[in-house]
Amino acid sequence: MHIKDKLILNTCTFAVQYNVSNNSIIMKISVEISYYPLNEQFKTPIKGFIANLNKNKNLIIRTNTMATQVFGEFDEVMKTIQQCMKQAFELPHSVFVMKIINADLEK
């Protein structure tokens, strides 16, 4: 096993936390998402999608030239992405590529 593999396994161990105050399980996830509006004017929809993700202050959003990473609690991340994707799909021919891992890789 390589050092990188050990690091990922150790990170995944802490993906699920128990919230004692309300007896619930909190699952942290990391998402990498890329948006490809098949349109000549593609920059505006991409910037709008990222701006909509950033409206949720409970999530950590990291953006680079290739993709956007979203870190946070499973239900909140997925709900936010779903809402933002639904709005983006109002533009015809919108393509998303997404990877999800059940670990908080932001740390």
Protein backbone atom coordinates (compact mmCIF):
# COMPACT_ATOMS: atom_id res chain seq x y z
CA MET A 1 0.00 0.00 0.00
CA HIS A 2 1.33 3.43 -0.94
CA ILE A 3 1.42 6.43 1.39
CA LYS A 4 -1.30 8.14 -0.69
CA ASP A 5 -3.56 5.07 -0.30
CA LYS A 6 -3.05 5.11 3.48
CA LEU A 7 -3.87 8.82 3.60
CA ILE A 8 -7.12 8.30 1.71
CA LEU A 9 -8.11 5.36 3.92
CA ASN A 10 -7.40 7.38 7.07
CA THR A 11 -9.48 10.28 5.75
CA CYS A 12 -12.39 7.98 4.89
CA THR A 13 -12.43 6.65 8.44
CA PHE A 14 -13.66 10.04 9.66
CA ALA A 15 -16.32 10.54 6.98
CA VAL A 16 -19.19 9.61 9.30
CA GLN A 17 -19.67 11.38 12.63
CA TYR A 18 -22.29 10.89 15.32
CA ASN A 19 -24.09 13.99 16.60
CA VAL A 20 -24.88 13.32 20.26
CA SER A 21 -27.15 16.36 20.69
CA ASN A 22 -29.86 15.02 18.35
CA ASN A 23 -28.84 11.35 17.91
CA SER A 24 -28.09 11.72 14.22
CA ILE A 25 -25.32 10.62 11.90
CA ILE A 26 -23.44 13.27 9.95
CA MET A 27 -21.76 12.10 6.74
CA LYS A 28 -19.17 14.40 5.21
CA ILE A 29 -18.55 14.23 1.47
CA SER A 30 -16.35 15.82 -1.15
CA VAL A 31 -17.62 16.51 -4.66
CA GLU A 32 -15.72 17.55 -7.75
CA ILE A 33 -18.02 18.96 -10.39
CA SER A 34 -17.44 20.40 -13.86
CA TYR A 35 -20.07 22.25 -15.85
CA TYR A 36 -20.00 22.39 -19.65
CA PRO A 37 -22.74 24.56 -21.16
CA LEU A 38 -22.68 23.67 -24.86
CA ASN A 39 -23.04 27.26 -25.91
CA GLU A 40 -20.72 29.84 -27.45
CA GLN A 41 -21.35 32.09 -24.43
CA PHE A 42 -20.25 29.48 -21.87
CA LYS A 43 -18.44 31.65 -19.29
CA THR A 44 -21.52 33.44 -17.91
CA PRO A 45 -23.47 30.25 -17.07
CA ILE A 46 -20.39 28.69 -15.43
CA LYS A 47 -19.79 31.80 -13.30
CA GLY A 48 -23.49 31.85 -12.37
CA PHE A 49 -23.43 28.19 -11.34
CA ILE A 50 -20.39 28.75 -9.12
CA ALA A 51 -21.95 31.91 -7.63
CA ASN A 52 -25.11 29.94 -6.76
CA LEU A 53 -23.03 27.24 -5.03
CA ASN A 54 -21.25 29.93 -3.00
CA LYS A 55 -24.57 31.22 -1.64
CA ASN A 56 -24.64 28.28 0.78
CA LYS A 57 -22.31 29.46 3.55
CA ASN A 58 -22.41 26.04 5.26
CA LEU A 59 -20.34 24.53 2.43
CA ILE A 60 -16.72 24.98 1.49
CA ILE A 61 -16.33 25.72 -2.22
CA ARG A 62 -12.98 25.63 -4.02
CA THR A 63 -12.79 26.57 -7.69
CA ASN A 64 -9.96 26.17 -10.18
CA THR A 65 -9.68 26.21 -13.96
CA MET A 66 -10.70 22.54 -14.34
CA ALA A 67 -13.45 21.99 -11.78
CA THR A 68 -15.16 23.10 -8.59
CA GLN A 69 -14.87 21.16 -5.35
CA VAL A 70 -17.67 21.20 -2.79
CA PHE A 71 -17.12 19.98 0.79
CA GLY A 72 -19.66 19.51 3.53
CA GLU A 73 -22.45 17.41 5.00
CA PHE A 74 -23.97 14.93 2.53
CA ASP A 75 -27.59 16.12 2.54
CA GLU A 76 -26.66 19.79 2.36
CA VAL A 77 -24.10 19.32 -0.43
CA MET A 78 -26.42 17.20 -2.54
CA LYS A 79 -29.42 19.50 -2.01
CA THR A 80 -27.39 22.55 -2.99
CA ILE A 81 -25.90 20.89 -6.07
CA GLN A 82 -29.33 19.64 -7.13
CA GLN A 83 -30.83 23.14 -6.88
CA CYS A 84 -27.94 24.74 -8.77
CA MET A 85 -27.96 22.06 -11.48
CA LYS A 86 -31.72 22.39 -11.93
CA GLN A 87 -31.34 26.11 -12.49
CA ALA A 88 -28.42 25.54 -14.91
CA PHE A 89 -30.48 23.00 -16.88
CA GLU A 90 -32.78 25.84 -17.90
CA LEU A 91 -30.06 26.54 -20.46
CA PRO A 92 -30.35 23.94 -23.24
CA HIS A 93 -27.59 21.38 -23.60
CA SER A 94 -25.92 21.71 -20.21
CA VAL A 95 -23.50 18.91 -19.32
CA PHE A 96 -22.17 18.10 -15.83
CA VAL A 97 -19.40 15.70 -14.82
CA MET A 98 -19.26 14.88 -11.12
CA LYS A 99 -17.21 12.71 -8.75
CA ILE A 100 -18.31 12.07 -5.15
CA ILE A 101 -16.38 10.51 -2.28
CA ASN A 102 -17.73 9.80 1.18
CA ALA A 103 -14.90 11.67 2.92
CA ASP A 104 -14.04 15.26 3.71
CA LEU A 105 -10.91 15.74 1.59
CA GLU A 106 -10.83 19.50 2.17
CA LYS A 107 -8.80 19.12 5.37
